[in-house]
All heavy atoms as atom14 arrays in JSON, in Angstrom:
{
  "sequence": "YKHEGMHALQWVLIDYVNVVVHVMLPESRRFYRLEEMWSDAEY",
  "atom14_mask": [
    [1, 1, 1, 1, 1, 1, 1, 1, 1, 1, 1, 1, 0, 0],
    [1, 1, 1, 1, 1, 1, 1, 1, 1, 0, 0, 0, 0, 0],
    [1, 1, 1, 1, 1, 1, 1, 1, 1, 1, 0, 0, 0, 0],
    [1, 1, 1, 1, 1, 1, 1, 1, 1, 0, 0, 0, 0, 0],
    [1, 1, 1, 1, 0, 0, 0, 0, 0, 0, 0, 0, 0, 0],
    [1, 1, 1, 1, 1, 1, 1, 1, 0, 0, 0, 0, 0, 0],
    [1, 1, 1, 1, 1, 1, 1, 1, 1, 1, 0, 0, 0, 0],
    [1, 1, 1, 1, 1, 0, 0, 0, 0, 0, 0, 0, 0, 0],
    [1, 1, 1, 1, 1, 1, 1, 1, 0, 0, 0, 0, 0, 0],
    [1, 1, 1, 1, 1, 1, 1, 1, 1, 0, 0, 0, 0, 0],
    [1, 1, 1, 1, 1, 1, 1, 1, 1, 1, 1, 1, 1, 1],
    [1, 1, 1, 1, 1, 1, 1, 0, 0, 0, 0, 0, 0, 0],
    [1, 1, 1, 1, 1, 1, 1, 1, 0, 0, 0, 0, 0, 0],
    [1, 1, 1, 1, 1, 1, 1, 1, 0, 0, 0, 0, 0, 0],
    [1, 1, 1, 1, 1, 1, 1, 1, 0, 0, 0, 0, 0, 0],
    [1, 1, 1, 1, 1, 1, 1, 1, 1, 1, 1, 1, 0, 0],
    [1, 1, 1, 1, 1, 1, 1, 0, 0, 0, 0, 0, 0, 0],
    [1, 1, 1, 1, 1, 1, 1, 1, 0, 0, 0, 0, 0, 0],
    [1, 1, 1, 1, 1, 1, 1, 0, 0, 0, 0, 0, 0, 0],
    [1, 1, 1, 1, 1, 1, 1, 0, 0, 0, 0, 0, 0, 0],
    [1, 1, 1, 1, 1, 1, 1, 0, 0, 0, 0, 0, 0, 0],
    [1, 1, 1, 1, 1, 1, 1, 1, 1, 1, 0, 0, 0, 0],
    [1, 1, 1, 1, 1, 1, 1, 0, 0, 0, 0, 0, 0, 0],
    [1, 1, 1, 1, 1, 1, 1, 1, 0, 0, 0, 0, 0, 0],
    [1, 1, 1, 1, 1, 1, 1, 1, 0, 0, 0, 0, 0, 0],
    [1, 1, 1, 1, 1, 1, 1, 0, 0, 0, 0, 0, 0, 0],
    [1, 1, 1, 1, 1, 1, 1, 1, 1, 0, 0, 0, 0, 0],
    [1, 1, 1, 1, 1, 1, 0, 0, 0, 0, 0, 0, 0, 0],
    [1, 1, 1, 1, 1, 1, 1, 1, 1, 1, 1, 0, 0, 0],
    [1, 1, 1, 1, 1, 1, 1, 1, 1, 1, 1, 0, 0, 0],
    [1, 1, 1, 1, 1, 1, 1, 1, 1, 1, 1, 0, 0, 0],
    [1, 1, 1, 1, 1, 1, 1, 1, 1, 1, 1, 1, 0, 0],
    [1, 1, 1, 1, 1, 1, 1, 1, 1, 1, 1, 0, 0, 0],
    [1, 1, 1, 1, 1, 1, 1, 1, 0, 0, 0, 0, 0, 0],
    [1, 1, 1, 1, 1, 1, 1, 1, 1, 0, 0, 0, 0, 0],
    [1, 1, 1, 1, 1, 1, 1, 1, 1, 0, 0, 0, 0, 0],
    [1, 1, 1, 1, 1, 1, 1, 1, 0, 0, 0, 0, 0, 0],
    [1, 1, 1, 1, 1, 1, 1, 1, 1, 1, 1, 1, 1, 1],
    [1, 1, 1, 1, 1, 1, 0, 0, 0, 0, 0, 0, 0, 0],
    [1, 1, 1, 1, 1, 1, 1, 1, 0, 0, 0, 0, 0, 0],
    [1, 1, 1, 1, 1, 0, 0, 0, 0, 0, 0, 0, 0, 0],
    [1, 1, 1, 1, 1, 1, 1, 1, 1, 0, 0, 0, 0, 0],
    [1, 1, 1, 1, 1, 1, 1, 1, 1, 1, 1, 1, 0, 0]
  ],
  "atom14_positions": [
    [[-10.59, 7.85, 12.52], [-10.59, 6.57, 11.83], [-9.5, 5.69, 12.44], [-9.7, 4.51, 12.68], [-10.38, 6.79, 10.33], [-10.14, 5.54, 9.54], [-11.09, 4.53, 9.5], [-8.96, 5.37, 8.83], [-10.87, 3.38, 8.77], [-8.74, 4.23, 8.09], [-9.69, 3.23, 8.07], [-9.47, 2.09, 7.35], [0.0, 0.0, 0.0], [0.0, 0.0, 0.0]],
    [[-8.34, 6.3, 12.7], [-7.27, 5.63, 13.43], [-6.27, 6.65, 13.9], [-6.26, 7.79, 13.44], [-6.61, 4.55, 12.58], [-5.72, 5.02, 11.48], [-5.14, 3.81, 10.77], [-4.02, 4.17, 9.85], [-3.49, 3.01, 9.18], [0.0, 0.0, 0.0], [0.0, 0.0, 0.0], [0.0, 0.0, 0.0], [0.0, 0.0, 0.0], [0.0, 0.0, 0.0]],
    [[-5.45, 6.23, 14.85], [-4.31, 7.05, 15.25], [-3.11, 6.14, 15.45], [-3.26, 4.96, 15.73], [-4.59, 7.91, 16.49], [-5.03, 7.14, 17.69], [-6.12, 7.48, 18.42], [-4.54, 6.04, 18.3], [-6.28, 6.63, 19.41], [-5.34, 5.75, 19.36], [0.0, 0.0, 0.0], [0.0, 0.0, 0.0], [0.0, 0.0, 0.0], [0.0, 0.0, 0.0]],
    [[-1.94, 6.71, 15.27], [-0.7, 5.94, 15.38], [0.33, 6.76, 16.14], [0.27, 7.98, 16.14], [-0.14, 5.62, 13.98], [-1.05, 4.75, 13.15], [-0.48, 4.47, 11.76], [0.71, 4.76, 11.52], [-1.25, 3.99, 10.92], [0.0, 0.0, 0.0], [0.0, 0.0, 0.0], [0.0, 0.0, 0.0], [0.0, 0.0, 0.0], [0.0, 0.0, 0.0]],
    [[1.27, 6.08, 16.75], [2.4, 6.73, 17.39], [2.23, 7.05, 18.85], [3.1, 7.7, 19.44], [0.0, 0.0, 0.0], [0.0, 0.0, 0.0], [0.0, 0.0, 0.0], [0.0, 0.0, 0.0], [0.0, 0.0, 0.0], [0.0, 0.0, 0.0], [0.0, 0.0, 0.0], [0.0, 0.0, 0.0], [0.0, 0.0, 0.0], [0.0, 0.0, 0.0]],
    [[1.15, 6.62, 19.48], [0.9, 6.97, 20.88], [1.84, 6.25, 21.85], [1.94, 6.65, 23.0], [-0.56, 6.7, 21.25], [-1.55, 7.62, 20.54], [-1.32, 9.37, 20.92], [-2.17, 9.47, 22.49], [0.0, 0.0, 0.0], [0.0, 0.0, 0.0], [0.0, 0.0, 0.0], [0.0, 0.0, 0.0], [0.0, 0.0, 0.0], [0.0, 0.0, 0.0]],
    [[2.53, 5.22, 21.4], [3.46, 4.53, 22.29], [4.83, 5.21, 22.29], [5.38, 5.51, 23.35], [3.59, 3.05, 21.91], [2.32, 2.3, 22.1], [1.75, 2.09, 23.32], [1.48, 1.74, 21.2], [0.61, 1.43, 23.18], [0.42, 1.21, 21.9], [0.0, 0.0, 0.0], [0.0, 0.0, 0.0], [0.0, 0.0, 0.0], [0.0, 0.0, 0.0]],
    [[5.37, 5.48, 21.12], [6.71, 6.08, 21.02], [6.68, 7.59, 21.27], [7.65, 8.16, 21.76], [7.31, 5.8, 19.66], [0.0, 0.0, 0.0], [0.0, 0.0, 0.0], [0.0, 0.0, 0.0], [0.0, 0.0, 0.0], [0.0, 0.0, 0.0], [0.0, 0.0, 0.0], [0.0, 0.0, 0.0], [0.0, 0.0, 0.0], [0.0, 0.0, 0.0]],
    [[5.58, 8.24, 20.92], [5.39, 9.68, 21.12], [6.5, 10.53, 20.48], [6.93, 11.54, 21.03], [5.27, 10.01, 22.61], [4.02, 9.43, 23.3], [4.09, 9.63, 24.8], [2.76, 10.04, 22.73], [0.0, 0.0, 0.0], [0.0, 0.0, 0.0], [0.0, 0.0, 0.0], [0.0, 0.0, 0.0], [0.0, 0.0, 0.0], [0.0, 0.0, 0.0]],
    [[6.95, 10.12, 19.3], [7.86, 10.91, 18.48], [7.07, 11.68, 17.43], [7.39, 12.8, 17.09], [8.87, 9.99, 17.76], [9.7, 9.13, 18.66], [10.78, 9.92, 19.36], [11.39, 10.8, 18.78], [11.01, 9.62, 20.62], [0.0, 0.0, 0.0], [0.0, 0.0, 0.0], [0.0, 0.0, 0.0], [0.0, 0.0, 0.0], [0.0, 0.0, 0.0]],
    [[6.04, 10.99, 16.9], [5.18, 11.54, 15.85], [3.84, 10.84, 16.0], [3.73, 9.64, 15.77], [5.8, 11.26, 14.5], [4.98, 11.6, 13.29], [3.78, 12.24, 13.22], [5.32, 11.29, 11.94], [3.36, 12.35, 11.92], [4.3, 11.78, 11.1], [6.41, 10.65, 11.35], [4.32, 11.65, 9.73], [6.42, 10.53, 9.97], [5.39, 11.03, 9.17]],
    [[2.84, 11.57, 16.42], [1.49, 11.02, 16.54], [0.68, 11.5, 15.35], [0.68, 12.68, 15.02], [0.83, 11.43, 17.87], [-0.65, 11.04, 17.89], [1.55, 10.78, 19.05], [0.0, 0.0, 0.0], [0.0, 0.0, 0.0], [0.0, 0.0, 0.0], [0.0, 0.0, 0.0], [0.0, 0.0, 0.0], [0.0, 0.0, 0.0], [0.0, 0.0, 0.0]],
    [[0.01, 10.56, 14.72], [-0.84, 10.84, 13.57], [-2.27, 10.52, 13.98], [-2.54, 9.44, 14.51], [-0.4, 9.95, 12.41], [-1.18, 10.06, 11.11], [-0.23, 9.83, 9.94], [-2.3, 9.06, 11.06], [0.0, 0.0, 0.0], [0.0, 0.0, 0.0], [0.0, 0.0, 0.0], [0.0, 0.0, 0.0], [0.0, 0.0, 0.0], [0.0, 0.0, 0.0]],
    [[-3.17, 11.46, 13.75], [-4.59, 11.25, 14.02], [-5.32, 11.42, 12.7], [-5.33, 12.5, 12.12], [-5.14, 12.25, 15.06], [-4.27, 12.28, 16.31], [-6.58, 11.9, 15.43], [-4.55, 13.45, 17.23], [0.0, 0.0, 0.0], [0.0, 0.0, 0.0], [0.0, 0.0, 0.0], [0.0, 0.0, 0.0], [0.0, 0.0, 0.0], [0.0, 0.0, 0.0]],
    [[-5.94, 10.35, 12.23], [-6.55, 10.31, 10.9], [-8.07, 10.44, 11.01], [-8.75, 9.54, 11.49], [-6.18, 8.99, 10.23], [-6.64, 8.88, 8.79], [-7.45, 9.72, 8.35], [-6.2, 7.93, 8.11], [0.0, 0.0, 0.0], [0.0, 0.0, 0.0], [0.0, 0.0, 0.0], [0.0, 0.0, 0.0], [0.0, 0.0, 0.0], [0.0, 0.0, 0.0]],
    [[-8.58, 11.58, 10.54], [-10.02, 11.8, 10.46], [-10.51, 11.66, 9.01], [-11.51, 12.24, 8.64], [-10.39, 13.18, 11.01], [-10.29, 13.28, 12.51], [-9.2, 13.88, 13.11], [-11.28, 12.74, 13.33], [-9.1, 13.97, 14.49], [-11.19, 12.82, 14.71], [-10.1, 13.43, 15.28], [-9.99, 13.51, 16.65], [0.0, 0.0, 0.0], [0.0, 0.0, 0.0]],
    [[-9.8, 10.9, 8.21], [-10.05, 10.61, 6.8], [-9.78, 11.82, 5.92], [-8.85, 11.81, 5.14], [-11.45, 10.0, 6.54], [-11.64, 9.69, 5.06], [-11.65, 8.74, 7.37], [0.0, 0.0, 0.0], [0.0, 0.0, 0.0], [0.0, 0.0, 0.0], [0.0, 0.0, 0.0], [0.0, 0.0, 0.0], [0.0, 0.0, 0.0], [0.0, 0.0, 0.0]],
    [[-10.58, 12.89, 6.04], [-10.37, 14.05, 5.18], [-9.38, 15.05, 5.75], [-8.94, 15.95, 5.04], [-11.7, 14.75, 4.89], [-12.54, 13.96, 3.91], [-12.07, 13.01, 3.3], [-13.79, 14.33, 3.78], [0.0, 0.0, 0.0], [0.0, 0.0, 0.0], [0.0, 0.0, 0.0], [0.0, 0.0, 0.0], [0.0, 0.0, 0.0], [0.0, 0.0, 0.0]],
    [[-9.05, 14.91, 7.01], [-8.02, 15.75, 7.62], [-7.17, 14.84, 8.51], [-7.7, 14.04, 9.28], [-8.61, 16.95, 8.4], [-9.53, 16.51, 9.51], [-7.52, 17.86, 8.93], [0.0, 0.0, 0.0], [0.0, 0.0, 0.0], [0.0, 0.0, 0.0], [0.0, 0.0, 0.0], [0.0, 0.0, 0.0], [0.0, 0.0, 0.0], [0.0, 0.0, 0.0]],
    [[-5.86, 14.96, 8.35], [-4.91, 14.15, 9.12], [-4.05, 15.1, 9.95], [-3.46, 16.04, 9.41], [-4.04, 13.27, 8.21], [-3.05, 12.45, 9.03], [-4.91, 12.35, 7.36], [0.0, 0.0, 0.0], [0.0, 0.0, 0.0], [0.0, 0.0, 0.0], [0.0, 0.0, 0.0], [0.0, 0.0, 0.0], [0.0, 0.0, 0.0], [0.0, 0.0, 0.0]],
    [[-4.0, 14.85, 11.25], [-3.25, 15.68, 12.18], [-1.92, 14.99, 12.49], [-1.89, 13.8, 12.78], [-4.04, 15.88, 13.5], [-3.3, 16.81, 14.44], [-5.45, 16.39, 13.21], [0.0, 0.0, 0.0], [0.0, 0.0, 0.0], [0.0, 0.0, 0.0], [0.0, 0.0, 0.0], [0.0, 0.0, 0.0], [0.0, 0.0, 0.0], [0.0, 0.0, 0.0]],
    [[-0.83, 15.77, 12.43], [0.5, 15.27, 12.73], [1.05, 16.1, 13.89], [1.24, 17.31, 13.75], [1.44, 15.43, 11.53], [0.96, 14.74, 10.29], [1.3, 13.46, 9.98], [0.15, 15.18, 9.3], [0.75, 13.12, 8.83], [0.03, 14.15, 8.4], [0.0, 0.0, 0.0], [0.0, 0.0, 0.0], [0.0, 0.0, 0.0], [0.0, 0.0, 0.0]],
    [[1.32, 15.46, 15.02], [1.91, 16.11, 16.18], [3.31, 15.51, 16.33], [3.44, 14.3, 16.56], [1.08, 15.91, 17.46], [1.66, 16.71, 18.61], [-0.38, 16.26, 17.23], [0.0, 0.0, 0.0], [0.0, 0.0, 0.0], [0.0, 0.0, 0.0], [0.0, 0.0, 0.0], [0.0, 0.0, 0.0], [0.0, 0.0, 0.0], [0.0, 0.0, 0.0]],
    [[4.34, 16.33, 16.2], [5.69, 15.81, 16.07], [6.68, 16.53, 17.0], [6.51, 17.72, 17.28], [6.18, 16.0, 14.63], [5.22, 15.47, 13.58], [5.7, 15.9, 11.89], [6.76, 14.5, 11.54], [0.0, 0.0, 0.0], [0.0, 0.0, 0.0], [0.0, 0.0, 0.0], [0.0, 0.0, 0.0], [0.0, 0.0, 0.0], [0.0, 0.0, 0.0]],
    [[7.71, 15.79, 17.41], [8.85, 16.43, 18.04], [9.6, 17.2, 16.95], [9.57, 16.8, 15.77], [9.79, 15.38, 18.66], [9.29, 14.67, 19.91], [10.27, 13.59, 20.33], [9.08, 15.67, 21.05], [0.0, 0.0, 0.0], [0.0, 0.0, 0.0], [0.0, 0.0, 0.0], [0.0, 0.0, 0.0], [0.0, 0.0, 0.0], [0.0, 0.0, 0.0]],
    [[10.3, 18.27, 17.29], [11.02, 19.04, 16.27], [11.99, 18.2, 15.44], [12.09, 18.37, 14.23], [11.76, 20.11, 17.08], [10.95, 20.27, 18.32], [10.39, 18.9, 18.62], [0.0, 0.0, 0.0], [0.0, 0.0, 0.0], [0.0, 0.0, 0.0], [0.0, 0.0, 0.0], [0.0, 0.0, 0.0], [0.0, 0.0, 0.0], [0.0, 0.0, 0.0]],
    [[12.69, 17.25, 16.09], [13.65, 16.41, 15.37], [12.95, 15.54, 14.32], [13.44, 15.36, 13.21], [14.42, 15.49, 16.33], [15.11, 16.17, 17.49], [14.18, 16.5, 18.65], [13.38, 15.64, 19.08], [14.26, 17.65, 19.13], [0.0, 0.0, 0.0], [0.0, 0.0, 0.0], [0.0, 0.0, 0.0], [0.0, 0.0, 0.0], [0.0, 0.0, 0.0]],
    [[11.8, 14.99, 14.68], [11.03, 14.16, 13.74], [10.53, 15.0, 12.58], [10.57, 14.57, 11.43], [9.85, 13.49, 14.45], [10.31, 12.63, 15.45], [0.0, 0.0, 0.0], [0.0, 0.0, 0.0], [0.0, 0.0, 0.0], [0.0, 0.0, 0.0], [0.0, 0.0, 0.0], [0.0, 0.0, 0.0], [0.0, 0.0, 0.0], [0.0, 0.0, 0.0]],
    [[10.09, 16.19, 12.88], [9.57, 17.07, 11.82], [10.68, 17.43, 10.83], [10.47, 17.44, 9.62], [8.96, 18.32, 12.43], [8.21, 19.16, 11.41], [7.43, 20.23, 12.1], [6.61, 20.99, 11.17], [5.81, 21.95, 11.58], [5.7, 22.24, 12.85], [5.11, 22.62, 10.69], [0.0, 0.0, 0.0], [0.0, 0.0, 0.0], [0.0, 0.0, 0.0]],
    [[11.87, 17.75, 11.36], [13.0, 18.07, 10.47], [13.4, 16.87, 9.63], [13.74, 16.99, 8.46], [14.2, 18.56, 11.29], [14.1, 20.0, 11.73], [15.4, 20.53, 12.3], [15.9, 19.77, 13.43], [15.56, 19.99, 14.7], [14.72, 20.96, 15.0], [16.07, 19.26, 15.66], [0.0, 0.0, 0.0], [0.0, 0.0, 0.0], [0.0, 0.0, 0.0]],
    [[13.35, 15.68, 10.22], [13.76, 14.47, 9.5], [12.78, 14.11, 8.39], [13.18, 13.81, 7.27], [13.9, 13.3, 10.48], [14.37, 12.04, 9.83], [15.7, 11.84, 9.54], [13.46, 11.04, 9.49], [16.14, 10.68, 8.92], [13.88, 9.88, 8.87], [15.22, 9.69, 8.59], [0.0, 0.0, 0.0], [0.0, 0.0, 0.0], [0.0, 0.0, 0.0]],
    [[11.47, 14.12, 8.68], [10.48, 13.66, 7.7], [10.05, 14.73, 6.7], [9.55, 14.42, 5.63], [9.26, 13.07, 8.42], [9.59, 11.75, 9.07], [9.78, 11.67, 10.44], [9.76, 10.61, 8.32], [10.12, 10.46, 11.04], [10.1, 9.39, 8.9], [10.27, 9.34, 10.27], [10.6, 8.14, 10.85], [0.0, 0.0, 0.0], [0.0, 0.0, 0.0]],
    [[10.2, 16.0, 7.06], [9.96, 17.13, 6.15], [8.66, 17.0, 5.34], [8.67, 17.04, 4.11], [11.16, 17.29, 5.22], [12.44, 17.53, 5.98], [13.61, 17.81, 5.1], [13.65, 17.03, 3.88], [14.72, 16.45, 3.38], [15.86, 16.57, 4.0], [14.67, 15.78, 2.26], [0.0, 0.0, 0.0], [0.0, 0.0, 0.0], [0.0, 0.0, 0.0]],
    [[7.55, 16.84, 6.02], [6.26, 16.7, 5.34], [5.93, 17.89, 4.45], [5.37, 17.73, 3.37], [5.14, 16.48, 6.36], [5.17, 15.18, 7.14], [4.03, 15.14, 8.14], [5.13, 13.98, 6.22], [0.0, 0.0, 0.0], [0.0, 0.0, 0.0], [0.0, 0.0, 0.0], [0.0, 0.0, 0.0], [0.0, 0.0, 0.0], [0.0, 0.0, 0.0]],
    [[6.27, 19.08, 4.94], [5.98, 20.28, 4.14], [6.71, 20.24, 2.8], [6.18, 20.67, 1.79], [6.35, 21.56, 4.9], [5.48, 21.84, 6.1], [6.05, 21.33, 7.42], [6.82, 20.34, 7.42], [5.72, 21.91, 8.45], [0.0, 0.0, 0.0], [0.0, 0.0, 0.0], [0.0, 0.0, 0.0], [0.0, 0.0, 0.0], [0.0, 0.0, 0.0]],
    [[7.92, 19.73, 2.79], [8.67, 19.61, 1.53], [8.11, 18.51, 0.65], [8.03, 18.64, -0.57], [10.15, 19.34, 1.81], [10.89, 20.54, 2.34], [12.35, 20.23, 2.61], [12.96, 19.47, 1.82], [12.87, 20.74, 3.62], [0.0, 0.0, 0.0], [0.0, 0.0, 0.0], [0.0, 0.0, 0.0], [0.0, 0.0, 0.0], [0.0, 0.0, 0.0]],
    [[7.73, 17.4, 1.28], [7.18, 16.27, 0.52], [5.89, 16.67, -0.2], [5.63, 16.22, -1.31], [6.91, 15.1, 1.47], [6.47, 13.83, 0.76], [6.12, 12.49, 1.93], [7.63, 12.36, 2.83], [0.0, 0.0, 0.0], [0.0, 0.0, 0.0], [0.0, 0.0, 0.0], [0.0, 0.0, 0.0], [0.0, 0.0, 0.0], [0.0, 0.0, 0.0]],
    [[5.1, 17.53, 0.43], [3.84, 17.99, -0.14], [3.95, 19.46, -0.52], [3.03, 20.25, -0.3], [2.7, 17.76, 0.85], [2.45, 16.32, 1.11], [2.93, 15.57, 2.15], [1.7, 15.42, 0.3], [2.5, 14.26, 2.03], [1.75, 14.14, 0.9], [0.97, 15.57, -0.88], [1.11, 13.03, 0.37], [0.34, 14.46, -1.42], [0.41, 13.21, -0.79]],
    [[5.05, 19.84, -1.15], [5.32, 21.25, -1.45], [4.35, 21.87, -2.47], [4.27, 23.08, -2.58], [6.77, 21.43, -1.93], [6.98, 20.7, -3.12], [0.0, 0.0, 0.0], [0.0, 0.0, 0.0], [0.0, 0.0, 0.0], [0.0, 0.0, 0.0], [0.0, 0.0, 0.0], [0.0, 0.0, 0.0], [0.0, 0.0, 0.0], [0.0, 0.0, 0.0]],
    [[3.62, 21.04, -3.2], [2.61, 21.56, -4.14], [1.35, 22.03, -3.42], [0.51, 22.69, -4.01], [2.21, 20.49, -5.16], [3.32, 20.17, -6.15], [4.3, 20.93, -6.19], [3.21, 19.17, -6.86], [0.0, 0.0, 0.0], [0.0, 0.0, 0.0], [0.0, 0.0, 0.0], [0.0, 0.0, 0.0], [0.0, 0.0, 0.0], [0.0, 0.0, 0.0]],
    [[1.22, 21.7, -2.15], [0.02, 22.07, -1.39], [0.08, 23.53, -0.96], [1.14, 24.09, -0.72], [-0.08, 21.18, -0.14], [0.0, 0.0, 0.0], [0.0, 0.0, 0.0], [0.0, 0.0, 0.0], [0.0, 0.0, 0.0], [0.0, 0.0, 0.0], [0.0, 0.0, 0.0], [0.0, 0.0, 0.0], [0.0, 0.0, 0.0], [0.0, 0.0, 0.0]],
    [[-1.11, 24.13, -0.87], [-1.21, 25.47, -0.32], [-0.88, 25.4, 1.17], [-1.37, 24.53, 1.89], [-2.63, 26.0, -0.51], [-2.83, 27.42, -0.03], [-4.26, 27.88, -0.21], [-4.85, 27.59, -1.27], [-4.78, 28.51, 0.72], [0.0, 0.0, 0.0], [0.0, 0.0, 0.0], [0.0, 0.0, 0.0], [0.0, 0.0, 0.0], [0.0, 0.0, 0.0]],
    [[-0.07, 26.33, 1.64], [0.51, 26.3, 2.98], [-0.03, 27.48, 3.77], [-0.06, 28.6, 3.27], [2.02, 26.39, 2.8], [2.86, 26.48, 4.03], [3.4, 25.33, 4.58], [3.16, 27.71, 4.61], [4.22, 25.42, 5.7], [3.97, 27.79, 5.73], [4.49, 26.64, 6.26], [5.3, 26.7, 7.37], [0.0, 0.0, 0.0], [0.0, 0.0, 0.0]]
  ]
}
């Protein structure tokens, strides 16, 4: 549906509507902590 972050290449998001892919540098992943933000989700 859309993708973001292909210019900076720190965190690329690929949105397929029902599934969203996040490809991140380790530093970005530690900073944004998506797993903690969505801690109610099955992991």
